[in-house]
C-alpha atoms as a PDB file:
ATOM      1  CA  MET A   1     -49.046   3.607 -14.395  1.00  0.00           C
ATOM      2  CA  SER A   2     -46.354   3.974 -11.720  1.00  0.00           C
ATOM      3  CA  ASP A   3     -43.711   1.480 -10.796  1.00  0.00           C
ATOM      4  CA  ALA A   4     -43.705   0.719  -7.029  1.00  0.00           C
ATOM      5  CA  ARG A   5     -39.955  -0.027  -7.124  1.00  0.00           C
ATOM      6  CA  ARG A   6     -39.030   3.408  -8.463  1.00  0.00           C
ATOM      7  CA  PRO A   7     -38.909   5.217  -5.042  1.00  0.00           C
ATOM      8  CA  TRP A   8     -36.630   2.465  -3.642  1.00  0.00           C
ATOM      9  CA  GLY A   9     -34.330   2.776  -6.629  1.00  0.00           C
ATOM     10  CA  ARG A  10     -34.108   6.549  -6.157  1.00  0.00           C
ATOM     11  CA  LEU A  11     -33.382   6.077  -2.452  1.00  0.00           C
ATOM     12  CA  PHE A  12     -30.654   3.543  -3.289  1.00  0.00           C
ATOM     13  CA  TYR A  13     -28.933   5.963  -5.690  1.00  0.00           C
ATOM     14  CA  LEU A  14     -29.279   8.852  -3.221  1.00  0.00           C
ATOM     15  CA  VAL A  15     -27.603   6.817  -0.461  1.00  0.00           C
ATOM     16  CA  LEU A  16     -24.923   5.630  -2.882  1.00  0.00           C
ATOM     17  CA  SER A  17     -24.205   9.232  -3.946  1.00  0.00           C
ATOM     18  CA  VAL A  18     -23.951  10.449  -0.348  1.00  0.00           C
ATOM     19  CA  LEU A  19     -21.560   7.617   0.546  1.00  0.00           C
ATOM     20  CA  ALA A  20     -19.401   8.413  -2.487  1.00  0.00           C
ATOM     21  CA  LEU A  21     -19.193  12.097  -1.513  1.00  0.00           C
ATOM     22  CA  VAL A  22     -18.341  11.299   2.105  1.00  0.00           C
ATOM     23  CA  GLY A  23     -15.695   8.808   1.000  1.00  0.00           C
ATOM     24  CA  ALA A  24     -14.166  11.337  -1.375  1.00  0.00           C
ATOM     25  CA  SER A  25     -13.996  14.017   1.314  1.00  0.00           C
ATOM     26  CA  LEU A  26     -12.347  11.629   3.780  1.00  0.00           C
ATOM     27  CA  GLY A  27      -9.745  10.616   1.237  1.00  0.00           C
ATOM     28  CA  GLN A  28      -8.569  14.140   0.475  1.00  0.00           C
ATOM     29  CA  THR A  29      -4.930  14.901   1.091  1.00  0.00           C
ATOM     30  CA  PRO A  30      -4.098  17.878   3.305  1.00  0.00           C
ATOM     31  CA  THR A  31      -3.186  21.161   1.670  1.00  0.00           C
ATOM     32  CA  THR A  32       0.534  21.829   1.390  1.00  0.00           C
ATOM     33  CA  SER A  33       2.581  25.007   1.540  1.00  0.00           C
ATOM     34  CA  THR A  34       5.641  25.478  -0.634  1.00  0.00           C
ATOM     35  CA  ILE A  35       8.814  26.440   1.204  1.00  0.00           C
ATOM     36  CA  SER A  36      11.190  28.339  -1.102  1.00  0.00           C
ATOM     37  CA  ASP A  37      14.495  29.758   0.070  1.00  0.00           C
ATOM     38  CA  VAL A  38      18.240  29.850  -0.500  1.00  0.00           C
ATOM     39  CA  VAL A  39      20.339  27.747   1.888  1.00  0.00           C
ATOM     40  CA  TYR A  40      23.773  28.906   3.019  1.00  0.00           C
ATOM     41  CA  ARG A  41      26.568  27.131   4.859  1.00  0.00           C
ATOM     42  CA  ALA A  42      27.819  28.435   8.214  1.00  0.00           C
ATOM     43  CA  ASP A  43      30.683  30.234   6.436  1.00  0.00           C
ATOM     44  CA  GLY A  44      28.238  32.167   4.224  1.00  0.00           C
ATOM     45  CA  THR A  45      28.818  30.230   1.002  1.00  0.00           C
ATOM     46  CA  LEU A  46      25.916  28.751  -0.923  1.00  0.00           C
ATOM     47  CA  ALA A  47      24.996  25.237   0.183  1.00  0.00           C
ATOM     48  CA  GLY A  48      24.648  22.200  -2.013  1.00  0.00           C
ATOM     49  CA  GLY A  49      23.557  18.673  -1.325  1.00  0.00           C
ATOM     50  CA  THR A  50      20.457  16.955  -0.028  1.00  0.00           C
ATOM     51  CA  LEU A  51      18.108  17.865   2.824  1.00  0.00           C
ATOM     52  CA  LEU A  52      16.500  15.031   4.772  1.00  0.00           C
ATOM     53  CA  ILE A  53      13.181  16.166   6.264  1.00  0.00           C
ATOM     54  CA  SER A  54      11.125  13.998   8.628  1.00  0.00           C
ATOM     55  CA  TRP A  55       7.996  14.518  10.714  1.00  0.00           C
ATOM     56  CA  PRO A  56       5.942  12.569  13.278  1.00  0.00           C
ATOM     57  CA  THR A  57       2.255  11.655  12.840  1.00  0.00           C
ATOM     58  CA  PHE A  58      -0.015  14.638  13.497  1.00  0.00           C
ATOM     59  CA  SER A  59      -3.433  16.111  12.765  1.00  0.00           C
ATOM     60  CA  THR A  60      -3.654  19.463  11.003  1.00  0.00           C
ATOM     61  CA  SER A  61      -5.547  22.401  12.469  1.00  0.00           C
ATOM     62  CA  THR A  62      -8.500  21.333  10.254  1.00  0.00           C
ATOM     63  CA  GLY A  63      -8.433  17.789  11.669  1.00  0.00           C
ATOM     64  CA  GLN A  64      -6.862  16.011   8.698  1.00  0.00           C
ATOM     65  CA  SER A  65      -4.495  13.207   9.639  1.00  0.00           C
ATOM     66  CA  VAL A  66      -0.905  13.266   8.381  1.00  0.00           C
ATOM     67  CA  ALA A  67       1.116  10.073   8.666  1.00  0.00           C
ATOM     68  CA  ALA A  68       4.704  10.150   9.859  1.00  0.00           C
ATOM     69  CA  GLY A  69       7.039  10.455   6.948  1.00  0.00           C
ATOM     70  CA  LYS A  70      10.246  11.694   5.464  1.00  0.00           C
ATOM     71  CA  LYS A  71      11.297  13.484   2.332  1.00  0.00           C
ATOM     72  CA  SER A  72      14.645  13.871   0.608  1.00  0.00           C
ATOM     73  CA  VAL A  73      15.139  17.155  -1.249  1.00  0.00           C
ATOM     74  CA  THR A  74      18.154  18.002  -3.384  1.00  0.00           C
ATOM     75  CA  LEU A  75      19.145  21.660  -3.290  1.00  0.00           C
ATOM     76  CA  GLY A  76      19.071  23.343  -6.670  1.00  0.00           C
ATOM     77  CA  PRO A  77      21.717  25.538  -8.279  1.00  0.00           C
ATOM     78  CA  GLY A  78      22.858  28.348  -6.001  1.00  0.00           C
ATOM     79  CA  GLY A  79      21.522  26.601  -2.867  1.00  0.00           C
ATOM     80  CA  THR A  80      17.875  26.998  -3.875  1.00  0.00           C
ATOM     81  CA  LEU A  81      15.316  25.038  -1.910  1.00  0.00           C
ATOM     82  CA  SER A  82      11.723  24.372  -2.932  1.00  0.00           C
ATOM     83  CA  VAL A  83       9.650  21.773  -1.092  1.00  0.00           C
ATOM     84  CA  ALA A  84       5.924  21.285  -0.446  1.00  0.00           C
ATOM     85  CA  LEU A  85       5.036  20.358   3.150  1.00  0.00           C
ATOM     86  CA  VAL A  86       1.823  20.164   5.181  1.00  0.00           C
ATOM     87  CA  PRO A  87       1.697  23.114   7.621  1.00  0.00           C
ATOM     88  CA  ASN A  88       1.898  22.068  11.277  1.00  0.00           C
ATOM     89  CA  THR A  89       0.701  25.347  12.798  1.00  0.00           C
ATOM     90  CA  GLY A  90      -2.082  24.437  15.210  1.00  0.00           C
ATOM     91  CA  ALA A  91      -1.331  20.731  14.799  1.00  0.00           C
ATOM     92  CA  SER A  92      -2.193  18.092  17.346  1.00  0.00           C
ATOM     93  CA  PRO A  93      -0.041  17.009  19.076  1.00  0.00           C
ATOM     94  CA  ALA A  94       1.618  20.410  19.172  1.00  0.00           C
ATOM     95  CA  ALA A  95       4.290  20.863  16.517  1.00  0.00           C
ATOM     96  CA  PRO A  96       7.784  20.143  17.808  1.00  0.00           C
ATOM     97  CA  SER A  97      10.383  22.848  17.529  1.00  0.00           C
ATOM     98  CA  THR A  98      12.500  22.775  14.404  1.00  0.00           C
ATOM     99  CA  GLN A  99      15.655  20.750  14.767  1.00  0.00           C
ATOM    100  CA  TRP A 100      18.583  21.110  12.428  1.00  0.00           C
ATOM    101  CA  CYS A 101      21.102  18.309  12.071  1.00  0.00           C
ATOM    102  CA  THR A 102      24.007  18.659   9.727  1.00  0.00           C
ATOM    103  CA  SER A 103      26.051  15.756   8.441  1.00  0.00           C
ATOM    104  CA  TRP A 104      28.434  15.428   5.559  1.00  0.00           C
ATOM    105  CA  THR A 105      30.828  12.998   3.991  1.00  0.00           C
ATOM    106  CA  MET A 106      34.404  13.937   3.227  1.00  0.00           C
ATOM    107  CA  GLU A 107      36.346  12.125   0.536  1.00  0.00           C
ATOM    108  CA  GLN A 108      40.026  11.333   1.061  1.00  0.00           C
END
């Protein structure tokens, strides 16, 4: 004896599963690349302090949306830098050129 509701129940769970998979794929965060380097001052000495990194809203080359944001990164011992950022190669709108701004505070 077969239950007439069984095919509708299977269809319901199939649709629910597909929606869950689509939702999970839309909610994925973009892949990041780790930038690792040593930062020097203009006079050639090792830098210390905090980098302030900001970016505008953009879409990656794979179409994933990245919201505008900013990140504060403290340089490690010996001027070491390690930070994970979303690559903007092939981004839309086109990636702006890198801009460096230096500021510091001097104590009296």
